[in-house]
Structure formats: C-alpha cells, structure tokens
Amino acid sequence: MGTRPRTVAVVEDNPSMRTSVERLLNACGLRTEGYSSAEAFLSHATPAKLGCVVLDMHLVDMSGMELRRRLRTAHSRLPVIFITAIDDDALELEARRVGCLAYLQKPFAAASLIAAVKEALAGDAMD
C-alpha cells in the first residue's frame, strides 16, 4: 500500500512552540507546514498531501478537538497527534475517542513526538 506523504502539518497557536516542533521534525528530515489556527489549516492545507497533523488541543476560536471532528466528518484518514499543556484524563479519553494516534502532554520528550510521527507516516495509523 505504500507510505503516507512525509509532510507534517503543525497546528499550534503559540509561535515558539510551533517553530520548535517544526525545527525538530525538519531535523529528522521531514517537511512541515505550520498553521497558527484550525481555521488557517482548513483554509490553506491540502490534507491529501499531508502525512499527519500535530495538533494543539487548545487553540483560539476552533479547538483542536473540533478540527479533528471536522476532519472525521469529511472522512479524512489523516492521523492526528494531539499535544496539550493540560493534564486532564477526561480530555485524553475524548481525544482517543475521536481518533488520535497519540496524545502528548507538554513538555513532551522529543523522542515521543518523533516516534508518533514516524508511526503515522508509516501508514499504520488508520482511523
């Protein structure tokens, strides 16, 4: 069946965090596209050209959870890796219910993010 495209969308409203995640993934040989909001992602991204999304849970306006729900409603099979600064078991359960590949709490280990992205890009992560 092949592998997914190797471009990773990073949807994070904190510019420093978005830049850090993109630099980490770029250092691993991956291309990234950064988006400051869920709305920017919906307006400008081409999901079919992406391998996965690293998605902050708590964005201004539309949340990461709502973006994930919209992607599912549109029958997107794009793997999502949620990142969050909030320690909330109920939120993690809901994230897994809407189909995330990984749920990482900030500050997370670089190796954890890289492993989740590699799993997503291998094509093994399907909704």
Protein backbone atom coordinates (compact mmCIF):
# COMPACT_ATOMS: atom_id res chain seq x y z
CA MET A 1 0.00 0.00 0.00
CA GLY A 2 2.99 2.34 0.39
CA THR A 3 3.76 5.07 2.85
CA ARG A 4 1.98 8.33 3.52
CA PRO A 5 3.32 11.66 2.25
CA ARG A 6 6.09 12.88 4.51
CA THR A 7 4.84 16.43 5.13
CA VAL A 8 3.60 17.06 8.66
CA ALA A 9 1.12 19.85 9.42
CA VAL A 10 1.78 21.55 12.76
CA VAL A 11 -1.30 23.37 14.04
CA GLU A 12 -0.25 25.37 17.11
CA ASP A 13 -1.20 28.92 18.08
CA ASN A 14 1.94 29.52 20.14
CA PRO A 15 4.56 30.66 17.59
CA SER A 16 7.53 29.50 19.69
CA MET A 17 6.07 26.04 20.21
CA ARG A 18 5.08 25.75 16.53
CA THR A 19 8.59 26.73 15.45
CA SER A 20 10.18 24.29 17.92
CA VAL A 21 8.07 21.38 16.71
CA GLU A 22 8.74 22.24 13.08
CA ARG A 23 12.50 22.50 13.67
CA LEU A 24 12.56 19.18 15.48
CA LEU A 25 10.72 17.44 12.65
CA ASN A 26 12.81 19.21 9.99
CA ALA A 27 15.97 17.97 11.74
CA CYS A 28 14.59 14.44 11.25
CA GLY A 29 14.33 15.03 7.51
CA LEU A 30 10.61 15.78 7.45
CA ARG A 31 8.86 18.65 5.72
CA THR A 32 6.44 20.69 7.78
CA GLU A 33 3.67 23.17 7.19
CA GLY A 34 2.85 25.41 10.13
CA TYR A 35 -0.60 26.81 10.86
CA SER A 36 -1.47 29.24 13.65
CA SER A 37 -5.10 28.13 13.91
CA ALA A 38 -7.57 25.45 12.95
CA GLU A 39 -9.19 27.94 10.60
CA ALA A 40 -5.87 28.60 8.83
CA PHE A 41 -5.41 24.85 8.44
CA LEU A 42 -8.90 24.42 6.96
CA SER A 43 -8.40 27.38 4.61
CA HIS A 44 -4.93 26.59 3.33
CA ALA A 45 -3.92 22.96 3.89
CA THR A 46 -4.33 20.19 1.35
CA PRO A 47 -4.92 17.15 3.61
CA ALA A 48 -4.29 14.67 0.78
CA LYS A 49 -0.70 15.97 0.56
CA LEU A 50 -0.07 15.57 4.28
CA GLY A 51 1.16 12.56 6.19
CA CYS A 52 -0.21 13.59 9.58
CA VAL A 53 -1.14 16.52 11.79
CA VAL A 54 0.45 17.55 15.07
CA LEU A 55 -2.48 19.40 16.62
CA ASP A 56 -2.68 21.52 19.75
CA MET A 57 -5.83 20.81 21.75
CA HIS A 58 -6.39 24.36 22.95
CA LEU A 59 -6.39 26.77 20.04
CA VAL A 60 -8.04 30.18 19.90
CA ASP A 61 -11.54 30.04 18.37
CA MET A 62 -11.90 26.49 16.99
CA SER A 63 -10.29 23.89 19.25
CA GLY A 64 -8.06 21.08 18.10
CA MET A 65 -10.79 18.65 19.13
CA GLU A 66 -13.33 20.42 16.88
CA LEU A 67 -10.87 20.38 13.98
CA ARG A 68 -10.38 16.64 14.47
CA ARG A 69 -14.17 16.13 14.47
CA ARG A 70 -14.47 18.11 11.22
CA LEU A 71 -11.76 16.04 9.59
CA ARG A 72 -13.57 12.84 10.61
CA THR A 73 -16.90 14.18 9.30
CA ALA A 74 -15.13 14.84 5.99
CA HIS A 75 -13.93 11.19 6.04
CA SER A 76 -10.30 12.22 6.37
CA ARG A 77 -7.99 9.37 7.33
CA LEU A 78 -5.24 11.81 8.24
CA PRO A 79 -3.59 10.69 11.50
CA VAL A 80 -3.68 13.22 14.32
CA ILE A 81 -1.19 13.58 17.15
CA PHE A 82 -2.61 15.81 19.87
CA ILE A 83 -0.37 17.96 22.02
CA THR A 84 -1.58 19.83 25.09
CA ALA A 85 -0.40 21.62 28.18
CA ILE A 86 -3.46 20.50 30.15
CA ASP A 87 -3.30 17.37 32.32
CA ASP A 88 -6.89 16.10 32.04
CA ASP A 89 -7.77 12.40 31.87
CA ALA A 90 -11.27 13.13 30.53
CA LEU A 91 -9.79 15.25 27.73
CA GLU A 92 -7.35 12.49 26.83
CA LEU A 93 -10.19 9.95 26.76
CA GLU A 94 -12.22 12.22 24.47
CA ALA A 95 -9.19 12.73 22.21
CA ARG A 96 -8.76 8.99 21.86
CA ARG A 97 -12.50 8.61 21.24
CA VAL A 98 -12.32 11.00 18.27
CA GLY A 99 -9.38 9.06 16.90
CA CYS A 100 -5.96 10.40 17.75
CA LEU A 101 -2.85 8.36 17.16
CA ALA A 102 -1.04 9.85 20.15
CA TYR A 103 -1.73 12.26 22.99
CA LEU A 104 1.33 14.08 24.28
CA GLN A 105 1.39 16.41 27.25
CA LYS A 106 3.69 19.44 27.07
CA PRO A 107 6.51 19.43 27.73
CA PHE A 108 6.86 16.12 25.94
CA ALA A 109 10.04 14.28 25.07
CA ALA A 110 11.24 14.91 21.53
CA ALA A 111 11.61 11.16 21.06
CA SER A 112 7.90 10.64 21.87
CA LEU A 113 6.80 13.07 19.18
CA ILE A 114 9.23 11.67 16.63
CA ALA A 115 8.07 8.10 17.31
CA ALA A 116 4.40 9.07 16.94
CA VAL A 117 5.05 10.94 13.69
CA LYS A 118 7.07 8.04 12.28
CA GLU A 119 4.23 5.65 13.14
CA ALA A 120 1.74 7.93 11.41
CA LEU A 121 3.89 8.31 8.31
CA ALA A 122 4.43 4.56 8.07
CA GLY A 123 0.79 4.31 7.12
CA ASP A 124 -0.07 2.01 10.02
CA ALA A 125 -2.25 4.62 11.69
CA MET A 126 -5.75 4.48 10.31
CA ASP A 127 -8.93 5.84 11.90
